[in-house]
Amino acid sequence: MGAWGGITSLGVVIGPLLGGILLEHFWWGSVFLANVVIVVIAAVGALAVVPESTDPNPRPIDLVGTVLSVVAFTAITYGVISVPRDGWSSADALIGLGGGVVALALFLARQALTKHPMVTWRSCATPGSSAPVAPRLCSCSGSTACCSR
């Protein structure tokens, strides 16, 4: 968790700085090309460092859970983004946020009832794994709200 937080914090500092440099000296598309370079370096590094592993009993992919989570977070994001433009009582905000909350509730119910959940709640019950996630969730939610203004 410490490495995850450190790398994320590093990205928060370096991302805008590198983006500003690229926009100052190159065309706007260079911001996206920089990500390609970073991904290639990370992929080559992972292939060189991370040992090969295979699960002898792989779990099936929860397609319904995947679709529900994508719909939930897309709708919530759309609802939050539409608030500064249209207000909290607009149809876009209410449908986006309401639909997202409903899809999220269905996703959580699905995860509680399915034999092979995407998220195991036992892992969330341990302070070592849940304590670092709560501040990150608040930080990301706050950033999304501020950036959508």
Protein backbone atom coordinates (compact mmCIF):
# COMPACT_ATOMS: atom_id res chain seq x y z
CA MET A 1 0.00 0.00 0.00
CA GLY A 2 2.89 2.34 0.73
CA ALA A 3 4.36 1.88 -2.75
CA TRP A 4 0.93 2.44 -4.29
CA GLY A 5 0.48 5.69 -2.36
CA GLY A 6 4.01 6.84 -3.16
CA ILE A 7 3.70 6.23 -6.88
CA THR A 8 0.29 7.90 -6.96
CA SER A 9 1.66 10.93 -5.12
CA LEU A 10 4.58 11.07 -7.51
CA GLY A 11 2.16 11.02 -10.44
CA VAL A 12 0.14 13.88 -8.93
CA VAL A 13 3.30 16.00 -8.83
CA ILE A 14 4.96 14.96 -12.09
CA GLY A 15 1.81 14.69 -14.26
CA PRO A 16 0.78 18.36 -14.34
CA LEU A 17 4.41 19.50 -14.51
CA LEU A 18 5.22 17.25 -17.46
CA GLY A 19 1.89 18.10 -19.10
CA GLY A 20 2.63 21.81 -18.81
CA ILE A 21 6.10 21.39 -20.31
CA LEU A 22 4.73 19.34 -23.20
CA LEU A 23 1.93 21.83 -23.90
CA GLU A 24 4.36 24.75 -23.74
CA HIS A 25 6.81 23.28 -26.25
CA PHE A 26 4.85 20.78 -28.38
CA TRP A 27 1.36 20.22 -29.82
CA TRP A 28 -1.47 19.18 -27.47
CA GLY A 29 -1.41 15.54 -28.66
CA SER A 30 2.06 15.10 -27.17
CA VAL A 31 0.39 14.74 -23.77
CA PHE A 32 -1.14 11.47 -24.97
CA LEU A 33 2.07 10.26 -26.62
CA ALA A 34 3.91 10.72 -23.32
CA ASN A 35 1.54 8.16 -21.79
CA VAL A 36 2.41 5.65 -24.52
CA VAL A 37 6.10 5.98 -23.64
CA ILE A 38 5.35 5.51 -19.94
CA VAL A 39 3.23 2.42 -20.62
CA VAL A 40 5.91 0.84 -22.83
CA ILE A 41 8.57 1.43 -20.15
CA ALA A 42 6.29 0.01 -17.45
CA ALA A 43 5.39 -3.06 -19.55
CA VAL A 44 9.02 -3.84 -20.37
CA GLY A 45 9.95 -3.31 -16.72
CA ALA A 46 7.14 -5.59 -15.52
CA LEU A 47 8.14 -8.33 -17.97
CA ALA A 48 11.73 -8.10 -16.73
CA VAL A 49 11.01 -7.94 -12.99
CA VAL A 50 7.68 -9.61 -12.21
CA PRO A 51 7.88 -13.42 -12.12
CA GLU A 52 5.41 -15.46 -14.18
CA SER A 53 2.56 -16.89 -12.15
CA THR A 54 -0.55 -18.85 -13.00
CA ASP A 55 -3.52 -19.58 -10.80
CA PRO A 56 -4.12 -23.33 -10.82
CA ASN A 57 -7.84 -22.72 -10.20
CA PRO A 58 -8.76 -19.53 -12.08
CA ARG A 59 -12.09 -17.96 -11.19
CA PRO A 60 -14.57 -17.11 -13.94
CA ILE A 61 -14.98 -13.47 -14.92
CA ASP A 62 -18.10 -11.82 -13.47
CA LEU A 63 -19.42 -10.11 -16.61
CA VAL A 64 -22.60 -8.90 -14.94
CA GLY A 65 -20.60 -7.38 -12.08
CA THR A 66 -18.20 -5.79 -14.55
CA VAL A 67 -21.03 -4.17 -16.52
CA LEU A 68 -22.76 -2.97 -13.34
CA SER A 69 -19.58 -1.36 -12.01
CA VAL A 70 -18.84 0.38 -15.33
CA VAL A 71 -22.43 1.66 -15.58
CA ALA A 72 -22.39 2.81 -11.94
CA PHE A 73 -19.17 4.79 -12.11
CA THR A 74 -19.86 6.19 -15.58
CA ALA A 75 -23.31 7.41 -14.53
CA ILE A 76 -22.06 8.89 -11.25
CA THR A 77 -19.20 10.65 -13.05
CA TYR A 78 -21.61 12.01 -15.68
CA GLY A 79 -23.96 13.23 -12.96
CA VAL A 80 -21.16 15.00 -11.07
CA ILE A 81 -19.77 16.58 -14.25
CA SER A 82 -23.20 17.88 -15.28
CA VAL A 83 -23.84 19.67 -11.96
CA PRO A 84 -21.75 22.82 -12.62
CA ARG A 85 -23.35 23.25 -16.03
CA ASP A 86 -26.98 22.48 -15.18
CA GLY A 87 -27.30 22.45 -11.36
CA TRP A 88 -28.13 19.73 -8.86
CA SER A 89 -31.82 19.60 -9.79
CA SER A 90 -31.25 19.11 -13.53
CA ALA A 91 -32.42 15.94 -15.22
CA ASP A 92 -28.86 15.04 -16.26
CA ALA A 93 -27.55 15.31 -12.70
CA LEU A 94 -30.48 13.50 -11.09
CA ILE A 95 -30.62 10.69 -13.66
CA GLY A 96 -26.84 10.28 -13.70
CA LEU A 97 -26.40 10.28 -9.93
CA GLY A 98 -29.59 8.31 -9.22
CA GLY A 99 -28.91 5.74 -11.92
CA GLY A 100 -25.31 5.44 -10.77
CA VAL A 101 -26.35 4.86 -7.16
CA VAL A 102 -28.89 2.22 -8.24
CA ALA A 103 -26.29 0.46 -10.42
CA LEU A 104 -23.77 0.64 -7.56
CA ALA A 105 -26.30 -0.89 -5.16
CA LEU A 106 -27.00 -3.68 -7.66
CA PHE A 107 -23.24 -4.22 -8.05
CA LEU A 108 -22.75 -4.47 -4.27
CA ALA A 109 -25.70 -6.88 -3.95
CA ARG A 110 -24.32 -8.98 -6.80
CA GLN A 111 -20.91 -9.12 -5.13
CA ALA A 112 -22.48 -10.25 -1.86
CA LEU A 113 -24.48 -13.03 -3.53
CA THR A 114 -22.29 -14.38 -6.33
CA LYS A 115 -20.06 -17.41 -5.89
CA HIS A 116 -17.03 -15.66 -7.46
CA PRO A 117 -17.18 -11.94 -6.58
CA MET A 118 -14.87 -9.33 -8.09
CA VAL A 119 -14.51 -7.73 -4.65
CA THR A 120 -14.15 -9.86 -1.54
CA TRP A 121 -15.46 -7.96 1.47
CA ARG A 122 -13.29 -9.98 3.87
CA SER A 123 -10.25 -8.18 2.50
CA CYS A 124 -11.94 -4.84 3.18
CA ALA A 125 -12.50 -5.78 6.82
CA THR A 126 -8.79 -5.78 7.67
CA PRO A 127 -7.45 -2.36 8.68
CA GLY A 128 -4.24 -2.91 6.69
CA SER A 129 -6.14 -2.95 3.41
CA SER A 130 -9.14 -0.73 4.12
CA ALA A 131 -7.48 2.12 6.03
CA PRO A 132 -5.38 3.38 3.09
CA VAL A 133 -8.29 3.09 0.65
CA ALA A 134 -10.71 5.38 2.52
CA PRO A 135 -8.54 8.54 2.29
CA ARG A 136 -7.75 7.75 -1.36
CA LEU A 137 -11.46 7.46 -2.12
CA CYS A 138 -12.14 10.81 -0.43
CA SER A 139 -9.21 12.40 -2.27
CA CYS A 140 -10.33 11.13 -5.67
CA SER A 141 -13.95 12.12 -5.02
CA GLY A 142 -12.88 15.61 -3.97
CA SER A 143 -10.63 15.96 -7.01
CA THR A 144 -13.45 14.89 -9.31
CA ALA A 145 -15.83 17.39 -7.73
CA CYS A 146 -13.29 20.24 -7.91
CA CYS A 147 -12.15 19.50 -11.45
CA SER A 148 -15.68 19.31 -12.79
CA ARG A 149 -16.42 22.92 -11.83
